[in-house]
Amino acid sequence: MAEANNSLHLAKLRARLHRATITIALQRAQWAIKAKLQRQGLRLSQFKHRDLVIQAEAYLQTTRRS
């Protein structure tokens, strides 16, 4: 019984760590996109949040391949 509980606990922990990793990666990608746009002289208020998220997701896709 204890082994089953440990196994379940580890599975939940792995799932949480996986989600946390994805969240942090997406935040870093958003920071990178925002910095790039600011370097180009663009104002972030010109962009919808969803558009920035889409660009961040695309940024992650391109960096994964490298």
Protein backbone atom coordinates (compact mmCIF):
# COMPACT_ATOMS: atom_id res chain seq x y z
CA MET A 1 0.00 0.00 0.00
CA ALA A 2 2.80 2.42 0.88
CA GLU A 3 4.53 1.74 -2.44
CA ALA A 4 1.34 2.60 -4.32
CA ASN A 5 1.01 5.87 -2.41
CA ASN A 6 4.65 6.75 -3.13
CA SER A 7 4.18 5.96 -6.80
CA LEU A 8 1.08 8.15 -7.01
CA HIS A 9 2.85 10.94 -5.14
CA LEU A 10 5.82 10.80 -7.53
CA ALA A 11 3.54 10.87 -10.56
CA LYS A 12 1.76 13.97 -9.26
CA LEU A 13 5.08 15.61 -8.45
CA ARG A 14 6.41 14.93 -11.94
CA ALA A 15 3.27 16.42 -13.47
CA ARG A 16 3.59 19.57 -11.36
CA LEU A 17 7.27 19.96 -12.21
CA HIS A 18 6.52 19.49 -15.89
CA ARG A 19 3.83 22.18 -15.80
CA ALA A 20 6.09 24.53 -13.81
CA THR A 21 8.85 24.08 -16.39
CA ILE A 22 6.47 24.91 -19.23
CA THR A 23 5.19 27.99 -17.37
CA ILE A 24 8.68 29.33 -16.71
CA ALA A 25 9.75 28.70 -20.31
CA LEU A 26 6.71 30.58 -21.58
CA GLN A 27 7.39 33.50 -19.23
CA ARG A 28 10.99 33.73 -20.40
CA ALA A 29 9.87 33.60 -24.02
CA GLN A 30 7.41 36.44 -23.37
CA TRP A 31 10.18 38.50 -21.77
CA ALA A 32 12.38 37.87 -24.82
CA ILE A 33 9.63 38.89 -27.24
CA LYS A 34 8.82 42.03 -25.25
CA ALA A 35 12.49 43.02 -25.11
CA LYS A 36 12.83 42.47 -28.86
CA LEU A 37 9.81 44.64 -29.60
CA GLN A 38 11.08 47.38 -27.29
CA ARG A 39 14.51 47.31 -28.98
CA GLN A 40 12.68 47.87 -32.25
CA GLY A 41 11.15 51.00 -30.75
CA LEU A 42 7.65 49.56 -30.56
CA ARG A 43 5.36 50.11 -27.60
CA LEU A 44 3.99 47.04 -25.90
CA SER A 45 0.63 48.74 -25.47
CA GLN A 46 0.22 48.48 -29.25
CA PHE A 47 -0.09 44.71 -28.97
CA LYS A 48 -2.84 42.53 -27.58
CA HIS A 49 -1.72 40.15 -24.86
CA ARG A 50 -2.83 37.17 -26.94
CA ASP A 51 -0.62 38.31 -29.84
CA LEU A 52 2.38 38.45 -27.51
CA VAL A 53 1.60 34.95 -26.23
CA ILE A 54 1.36 33.64 -29.79
CA GLN A 55 4.73 35.18 -30.61
CA ALA A 56 6.22 33.70 -27.43
CA GLU A 57 4.92 30.24 -28.31
CA ALA A 58 6.42 30.56 -31.79
CA TYR A 59 9.69 31.70 -30.20
CA LEU A 60 9.70 28.56 -28.06
CA GLN A 61 9.09 26.37 -31.09
CA THR A 62 12.06 27.86 -32.93
CA THR A 63 14.40 27.61 -29.93
CA ARG A 64 13.49 23.96 -29.33
CA ARG A 65 14.73 23.03 -32.78
CA SER A 66 18.12 24.65 -32.23
